[in-house]
Amino acid sequence: QQQQGEGDGQEQHYDEHWTSALVEWDKAVGQTDNNNREEGLVIGVGGSGSGIKKKYIGEENKRPGFIVLGMHRSGTSMLSGLLVEGFGYETGGPLIMPAFDNEKGFYERIDVVLQNDEFFSAQHMGWSFNVINYDSEKALRDKLQGRIKFDEGKRALQFLNNHHKTLPYLQKDPRMCIALPTWLKLLDDEPAVVFTYRHPLEVAMSLKKREASITLEHGLRLWIVYNMRAIQNSVGLCRVFSTNEAVLKDPSREVQRVKNQLTDECNVIPPPSALISQKVVDSFIDPNLQHNNKARKKEEKVSGILKDFGDGCVAKEFDSDFKKGSSNYEAEKQIFLMAMQIFCDFENGKAYKEEYDW
């Protein structure tokens, strides 16, 4: 059975519930668009990539919103939920509903996810395979030449490029780490970016547990590619950096810092609420994530060191399905060490520099 949200499934998106939600969204968007045309207001809904930047009503020189970038299973849903429910950032909808692997919700628009899947499919790739080969310019050519469907993308742009909005948007889909350059050409206004990451072993183990076809090595490779592309593709944008560890350690403080930096440094339209309540924080911090985090650290205390990367960041021995010394184990270990090098360079800030050697 295919998964929803941060997985690769589309099957459940097209059941009766989702079909009805999309129909209602079409009606709502269509009615809003018609009303605005009647009033003679100009709203950017085409996503032409013309480079013409329009101003949001009453918010001169403000960025209209931001995109959350992060690998699957890295806490992007928890962070997005805290920002949306805590401050009032707007996602629009319909959204992918909560599922067994994410009971608090994904905060992902169905149309964006499906359009990214369409971009990927045309290039013989999916969220979990061949993503390193994504060609953003080819995706744009496929759209312009009608080789792919763009109905979902058009629906998403009616929200993201709606210049009659006064609330800042939050857009989140892990596939955006890969597809961001394509969307930047379709947006009328430059967004800010919030980037977050999680320990590679936690991510790989979570994927392995959820997806029968994904091995630990596969999960680690995906972690490397998604995080690499997220940083490479967002160069030049105003970025706010966070970590899953920081959110779990002190959620109120970390999420408040992210919001303040978005407003004060990235000049994103201020959200309705200036402060996040403890009630919202308590409702979104996932005890399972805390458990996984604590379990890994507990295990590392008695594990041997594979490599010390300096600055207190080390790669510890890990549980593997393969016998130590076997070729499969050695291949898995090498990928883990590659991922840990990047993780440690995120921790010390080196990986955020443009000259970083990926």
Protein backbone atom coordinates (compact mmCIF):
# COMPACT_ATOMS: atom_id res chain seq x y z
CA GLN A 1 0.00 0.00 0.00
CA GLN A 2 1.33 3.40 -0.93
CA GLN A 3 1.99 6.01 1.73
CA GLN A 4 0.80 9.58 2.01
CA GLY A 5 2.58 12.84 2.70
CA GLU A 6 6.30 12.44 3.08
CA GLY A 7 6.04 9.14 1.25
CA ASP A 8 5.62 8.43 -2.43
CA GLY A 9 1.92 7.66 -2.68
CA GLN A 10 -0.67 9.20 -4.94
CA GLU A 11 -3.23 6.43 -4.74
CA GLN A 12 -4.96 7.73 -1.62
CA HIS A 13 -4.93 11.30 -2.92
CA TYR A 14 -7.53 10.39 -5.52
CA ASP A 15 -10.17 8.74 -3.36
CA GLU A 16 -13.57 10.31 -2.99
CA HIS A 17 -12.56 12.52 -0.08
CA TRP A 18 -9.65 14.11 -1.94
CA THR A 19 -11.63 14.48 -5.14
CA SER A 20 -14.36 16.34 -3.28
CA ALA A 21 -11.79 18.54 -1.53
CA LEU A 22 -10.16 19.46 -4.84
CA VAL A 23 -13.52 20.25 -6.44
CA GLU A 24 -14.43 22.56 -3.57
CA TRP A 25 -11.02 24.22 -3.75
CA ASP A 26 -11.45 24.78 -7.48
CA LYS A 27 -14.81 26.45 -6.83
CA ALA A 28 -13.40 28.66 -4.09
CA VAL A 29 -10.37 29.72 -6.12
CA GLY A 30 -12.44 30.28 -9.23
CA GLN A 31 -14.96 32.42 -7.38
CA THR A 32 -12.23 34.50 -5.75
CA ASP A 33 -10.52 35.01 -9.09
CA ASN A 34 -13.78 36.08 -10.77
CA ASN A 35 -14.58 38.55 -8.01
CA ASN A 36 -11.15 40.11 -8.23
CA ARG A 37 -11.41 40.47 -12.01
CA GLU A 38 -14.79 42.17 -11.65
CA GLU A 39 -13.27 44.64 -9.19
CA GLY A 40 -10.44 45.39 -11.60
CA LEU A 41 -7.74 44.10 -9.28
CA VAL A 42 -4.56 42.59 -10.65
CA ILE A 43 -3.70 39.24 -9.11
CA GLY A 44 -0.71 37.21 -10.27
CA VAL A 45 -2.02 33.70 -10.81
CA GLY A 46 -0.27 32.68 -13.98
CA GLY A 47 3.21 31.93 -12.70
CA SER A 48 4.66 33.02 -16.01
CA GLY A 49 8.15 33.51 -14.63
CA SER A 50 8.23 36.90 -16.31
CA GLY A 51 10.32 38.39 -13.55
CA ILE A 52 7.74 41.12 -12.89
CA LYS A 53 7.48 41.47 -9.12
CA LYS A 54 4.14 42.70 -7.77
CA LYS A 55 3.56 44.20 -4.34
CA TYR A 56 1.24 42.74 -1.76
CA ILE A 57 -1.51 45.08 -0.62
CA GLY A 58 -0.40 47.15 2.36
CA GLU A 59 2.91 45.29 2.59
CA GLU A 60 5.34 47.24 0.41
CA ASN A 61 8.71 45.53 -0.03
CA LYS A 62 7.71 42.55 2.10
CA ARG A 63 8.24 38.93 1.14
CA PRO A 64 4.83 37.22 0.92
CA GLY A 65 5.93 33.99 2.57
CA PHE A 66 8.51 31.27 2.90
CA ILE A 67 9.24 27.67 1.93
CA VAL A 68 10.26 25.03 4.47
CA LEU A 69 13.06 22.84 3.18
CA GLY A 70 14.19 19.60 4.77
CA MET A 71 14.59 15.90 4.09
CA HIS A 72 11.66 13.52 4.61
CA ARG A 73 11.32 12.35 8.25
CA SER A 74 13.35 15.33 9.49
CA GLY A 75 10.75 17.12 11.59
CA THR A 76 9.56 19.51 8.86
CA SER A 77 5.92 18.70 9.65
CA MET A 78 6.34 19.40 13.36
CA LEU A 79 8.17 22.67 12.67
CA SER A 80 5.58 23.73 10.09
CA GLY A 81 2.72 22.86 12.44
CA LEU A 82 4.22 24.96 15.20
CA LEU A 83 4.64 27.92 12.84
CA VAL A 84 1.16 27.64 11.35
CA GLU A 85 -0.78 26.97 14.53
CA GLY A 86 1.43 29.09 16.76
CA PHE A 87 1.71 32.26 14.67
CA GLY A 88 -0.94 32.01 11.95
CA TYR A 89 1.13 31.48 8.81
CA GLU A 90 -1.19 30.38 6.02
CA THR A 91 -0.93 27.17 4.00
CA GLY A 92 -4.18 27.27 2.05
CA GLY A 93 -5.50 23.88 1.08
CA PRO A 94 -6.58 21.20 0.73
CA LEU A 95 -3.79 19.62 2.73
CA ILE A 96 -2.71 16.01 3.01
CA MET A 97 -4.50 14.61 6.02
CA PRO A 98 -2.74 13.17 9.08
CA ALA A 99 -1.64 9.54 8.71
CA PHE A 100 -0.30 6.72 10.87
CA ASP A 101 3.26 7.98 10.44
CA ASN A 102 2.39 11.62 11.08
CA GLU A 103 -0.65 11.97 13.30
CA LYS A 104 -0.34 15.74 13.76
CA GLY A 105 -0.51 16.41 10.03
CA PHE A 106 1.94 17.11 7.22
CA TYR A 107 1.02 20.73 6.38
CA GLU A 108 1.55 19.91 2.73
CA ARG A 109 -0.72 21.14 -0.03
CA ILE A 110 -1.98 18.28 -2.17
CA ASP A 111 -1.56 20.29 -5.36
CA VAL A 112 2.12 21.08 -4.73
CA VAL A 113 2.94 17.46 -3.86
CA LEU A 114 1.14 16.13 -6.93
CA GLN A 115 2.76 18.71 -9.23
CA ASN A 116 6.21 17.84 -7.91
CA ASP A 117 5.43 14.17 -8.52
CA GLU A 118 4.46 15.14 -12.07
CA PHE A 119 7.77 16.98 -12.57
CA PHE A 120 9.65 13.98 -11.21
CA SER A 121 7.75 11.34 -13.17
CA ALA A 122 8.52 13.07 -16.47
CA GLN A 123 12.21 12.67 -15.65
CA HIS A 124 11.90 9.00 -14.64
CA MET A 125 12.36 9.67 -10.96
CA GLY A 126 10.37 9.71 -7.74
CA TRP A 127 10.80 11.15 -4.27
CA SER A 128 12.98 8.16 -3.28
CA PHE A 129 14.95 7.42 -6.43
CA ASN A 130 17.02 9.28 -9.05
CA VAL A 131 16.38 12.64 -7.36
CA ILE A 132 19.99 13.72 -7.83
CA ASN A 133 19.34 13.81 -11.59
CA TYR A 134 16.47 16.34 -11.45
CA ASP A 135 16.78 19.02 -14.15
CA SER A 136 14.85 22.16 -13.20
CA GLU A 137 15.13 23.68 -16.67
CA LYS A 138 13.78 20.52 -18.30
CA ALA A 139 10.83 20.65 -15.90
CA LEU A 140 10.07 24.19 -17.07
CA ARG A 141 10.39 23.16 -20.72
CA ASP A 142 8.08 20.21 -20.09
CA LYS A 143 5.52 22.62 -18.65
CA LEU A 144 5.82 25.23 -21.40
CA GLN A 145 5.68 22.64 -24.19
CA GLY A 146 2.74 20.79 -22.67
CA ARG A 147 4.60 17.53 -22.11
CA ILE A 148 3.35 17.35 -18.54
CA LYS A 149 0.10 18.28 -16.83
CA PHE A 150 0.22 21.52 -14.86
CA ASP A 151 -3.30 21.68 -13.43
CA GLU A 152 -2.05 21.08 -9.90
CA GLY A 153 0.72 23.63 -10.27
CA LYS A 154 -1.72 26.23 -11.57
CA ARG A 155 -3.94 25.65 -8.56
CA ALA A 156 -0.98 26.07 -6.21
CA LEU A 157 0.14 29.27 -7.92
CA GLN A 158 -3.33 30.75 -7.57
CA PHE A 159 -2.59 30.70 -3.86
CA LEU A 160 1.14 31.43 -3.80
CA ASN A 161 0.90 34.26 -6.35
CA ASN A 162 -2.31 35.76 -4.96
CA HIS A 163 -1.40 39.40 -4.40
CA HIS A 164 -4.64 40.15 -2.61
CA LYS A 165 -3.48 38.11 0.38
CA THR A 166 -2.47 39.87 3.57
CA LEU A 167 -1.34 36.80 5.54
CA PRO A 168 2.14 35.35 4.96
CA TYR A 169 2.19 31.87 3.48
CA LEU A 170 4.11 28.78 4.53
CA GLN A 171 4.73 26.21 1.80
CA LYS A 172 6.15 22.83 2.72
CA ASP A 173 6.95 19.67 0.78
CA PRO A 174 10.30 17.85 1.16
CA ARG A 175 10.36 17.45 -2.63
CA MET A 176 10.95 21.21 -2.75
CA CYS A 177 14.56 20.53 -1.74
CA ILE A 178 14.88 19.12 -5.25
CA ALA A 179 12.32 21.11 -7.25
CA LEU A 180 12.84 24.58 -5.74
CA PRO A 181 14.61 26.13 -8.78
CA THR A 182 11.61 25.26 -10.96
CA TRP A 183 9.14 26.90 -8.60
CA LEU A 184 11.28 30.01 -8.15
CA LYS A 185 10.81 30.68 -11.86
CA LEU A 186 7.02 30.37 -11.42
CA LEU A 187 6.61 32.58 -8.35
CA ASP A 188 6.01 36.29 -8.80
CA ASP A 189 7.83 37.21 -5.59
CA GLU A 190 10.93 35.78 -4.00
CA PRO A 191 10.19 33.70 -0.90
CA ALA A 192 12.34 33.24 2.16
CA VAL A 193 13.48 29.76 3.19
CA VAL A 194 13.46 27.90 6.49
CA PHE A 195 15.87 24.96 6.40
CA THR A 196 15.95 22.22 9.00
CA TYR A 197 17.77 18.91 9.34
CA ARG A 198 17.84 15.85 11.58
CA HIS A 199 20.59 13.35 12.43
CA PRO A 200 21.08 11.14 9.33
CA LEU A 201 20.88 7.87 11.25
CA GLU A 202 17.53 8.83 12.80
CA VAL A 203 16.16 9.73 9.37
CA ALA A 204 17.46 6.58 7.67
CA MET A 205 16.15 4.34 10.43
CA SER A 206 12.74 6.03 10.30
CA LEU A 207 12.54 5.55 6.53
CA LYS A 208 13.67 1.94 6.81
CA LYS A 209 10.97 1.26 9.37
CA ARG A 210 8.23 2.89 7.28
CA GLU A 211 9.22 1.86 3.77
CA ALA A 212 9.88 -1.85 3.19
CA SER A 213 11.87 -1.11 0.01
CA ILE A 214 14.31 1.34 1.62
CA THR A 215 17.50 0.05 3.23
CA LEU A 216 19.59 1.97 5.73
CA GLU A 217 22.13 2.79 3.02
CA HIS A 218 19.38 4.00 0.69
CA GLY A 219 17.99 6.24 3.41
CA LEU A 220 21.41 7.71 4.11
CA ARG A 221 21.97 8.41 0.41
CA LEU A 222 18.62 10.22 0.25
CA TRP A 223 19.56 12.25 3.33
CA ILE A 224 22.74 13.41 1.61
CA VAL A 225 21.06 14.34 -1.68
CA TYR A 226 18.05 16.14 -0.19
CA ASN A 227 20.10 18.21 2.23
CA MET A 228 22.73 19.00 -0.39
CA ARG A 229 20.14 20.17 -2.91
CA ALA A 230 18.24 22.15 -0.28
CA ILE A 231 21.33 24.22 0.44
CA GLN A 232 22.55 24.47 -3.15
CA ASN A 233 19.14 25.41 -4.54
CA SER A 234 18.45 28.11 -1.94
CA VAL A 235 21.70 30.05 -2.37
CA GLY A 236 20.93 33.75 -2.69
CA LEU A 237 17.62 33.56 -0.82
CA CYS A 238 17.11 34.85 2.70
CA ARG A 239 17.44 31.71 4.80
CA VAL A 240 16.69 30.83 8.40
CA PHE A 241 18.49 27.72 9.65
CA SER A 242 17.07 25.42 12.30
CA THR A 243 17.52 21.83 13.46
CA ASN A 244 15.19 19.11 14.66
CA GLU A 245 17.40 18.82 17.74
CA ALA A 246 16.92 22.51 18.61
CA VAL A 247 13.14 22.27 18.23
CA LEU A 248 12.95 19.22 20.51
CA LYS A 249 15.31 20.72 23.10
CA ASP A 250 13.51 24.06 23.52
CA PRO A 251 10.56 24.32 21.11
CA SER A 252 9.17 27.64 22.33
CA ARG A 253 12.49 29.41 22.10
CA GLU A 254 13.58 27.88 18.78
CA VAL A 255 10.32 28.41 16.91
CA GLN A 256 10.04 31.95 18.26
CA ARG A 257 13.57 32.62 16.99
CA VAL A 258 12.67 31.28 13.53
CA LYS A 259 9.57 33.47 13.35
CA ASN A 260 11.46 36.58 14.57
CA GLN A 261 14.22 36.05 12.03
CA LEU A 262 11.72 35.60 9.21
CA THR A 263 10.05 38.88 10.14
CA ASP A 264 13.05 40.98 11.13
CA GLU A 265 15.82 39.73 8.84
CA CYS A 266 14.01 38.20 5.86
CA ASN A 267 11.30 40.86 5.81
CA VAL A 268 8.46 38.35 5.50
CA ILE A 269 4.99 39.78 6.14
CA PRO A 270 4.43 39.52 9.92
CA PRO A 271 2.03 36.75 10.96
CA PRO A 272 -1.12 37.54 13.01
CA SER A 273 0.38 36.32 16.29
CA ALA A 274 3.67 37.66 17.58
CA LEU A 275 4.16 35.01 20.26
CA ILE A 276 3.56 31.25 20.38
CA SER A 277 1.54 29.82 23.25
CA GLN A 278 2.67 26.93 25.41
CA LYS A 279 -0.59 25.16 24.60
CA VAL A 280 0.34 25.01 20.90
CA VAL A 281 3.85 23.85 21.72
CA ASP A 282 2.61 21.05 23.96
CA SER A 283 0.19 19.84 21.30
CA PHE A 284 2.85 19.53 18.59
CA ILE A 285 5.96 18.14 20.22
CA ASP A 286 5.92 14.47 19.26
CA PRO A 287 7.01 12.21 22.16
CA ASN A 288 7.99 9.54 19.59
CA LEU A 289 10.53 11.87 18.03
CA GLN A 290 11.90 12.66 21.47
CA HIS A 291 12.07 8.94 22.24
CA ASN A 292 13.97 8.16 19.02
CA ASN A 293 16.35 11.01 19.69
CA LYS A 294 17.03 9.90 23.28
CA ALA A 295 17.31 6.24 22.27
CA ARG A 296 20.00 7.04 19.68
CA LYS A 297 21.98 9.10 22.18
CA LYS A 298 21.70 6.40 24.83
CA GLU A 299 22.99 3.79 22.38
CA GLU A 300 25.83 6.05 21.28
CA LYS A 301 27.10 6.28 24.87
CA VAL A 302 28.14 2.63 24.75
CA SER A 303 29.08 2.51 21.06
CA GLY A 304 32.57 2.74 19.67
CA ILE A 305 33.73 5.71 17.64
CA LEU A 306 33.98 5.22 13.88
CA LYS A 307 35.36 8.70 13.21
CA ASP A 308 35.88 11.95 15.09
CA PHE A 309 35.07 14.97 12.92
CA GLY A 310 36.15 17.51 15.53
CA ASP A 311 34.20 20.15 17.44
CA GLY A 312 32.62 17.39 19.53
CA CYS A 313 30.92 15.77 16.53
CA VAL A 314 31.61 12.06 16.14
CA ALA A 315 30.21 9.15 14.15
CA LYS A 316 29.45 6.20 16.41
CA GLU A 317 29.03 2.54 15.56
CA PHE A 318 25.48 1.66 14.57
CA ASP A 319 23.23 -1.36 14.27
CA SER A 320 23.38 -2.94 10.83
CA ASP A 321 21.62 -5.84 9.15
CA PHE A 322 24.99 -6.87 7.74
CA LYS A 323 27.91 -8.60 9.38
CA LYS A 324 30.79 -6.32 10.29
CA GLY A 325 33.57 -6.63 7.76
CA SER A 326 31.25 -7.74 4.95
CA SER A 327 31.21 -5.74 1.71
CA ASN A 328 27.61 -4.66 2.36
CA TYR A 329 28.48 -3.42 5.83
CA GLU A 330 31.51 -1.51 4.58
CA ALA A 331 29.44 0.17 1.83
CA GLU A 332 26.80 1.14 4.38
CA LYS A 333 29.44 2.46 6.78
CA GLN A 334 31.09 4.61 4.10
CA ILE A 335 27.79 6.25 3.19
CA PHE A 336 27.07 6.81 6.88
CA LEU A 337 30.44 8.53 7.32
CA MET A 338 29.75 10.72 4.28
CA ALA A 339 26.40 11.72 5.78
CA MET A 340 27.99 12.37 9.18
CA GLN A 341 30.63 14.62 7.62
CA ILE A 342 27.83 16.78 6.20
CA PHE A 343 25.87 16.61 9.46
CA CYS A 344 28.90 17.80 11.43
CA ASP A 345 29.46 20.58 8.91
CA PHE A 346 25.86 21.67 9.39
CA GLU A 347 26.51 21.70 13.12
CA ASN A 348 29.61 23.89 12.79
CA GLY A 349 28.20 26.01 9.96
CA LYS A 350 30.70 25.07 7.24
CA ALA A 351 28.06 23.45 4.99
CA TYR A 352 26.17 26.73 4.66
CA LYS A 353 29.07 28.47 2.92
CA GLU A 354 28.84 28.80 -0.86
CA GLU A 355 32.32 27.36 -1.35
CA TYR A 356 31.46 24.18 0.57
CA ASP A 357 32.73 21.08 -1.23
CA TRP A 358 29.81 18.69 -1.47
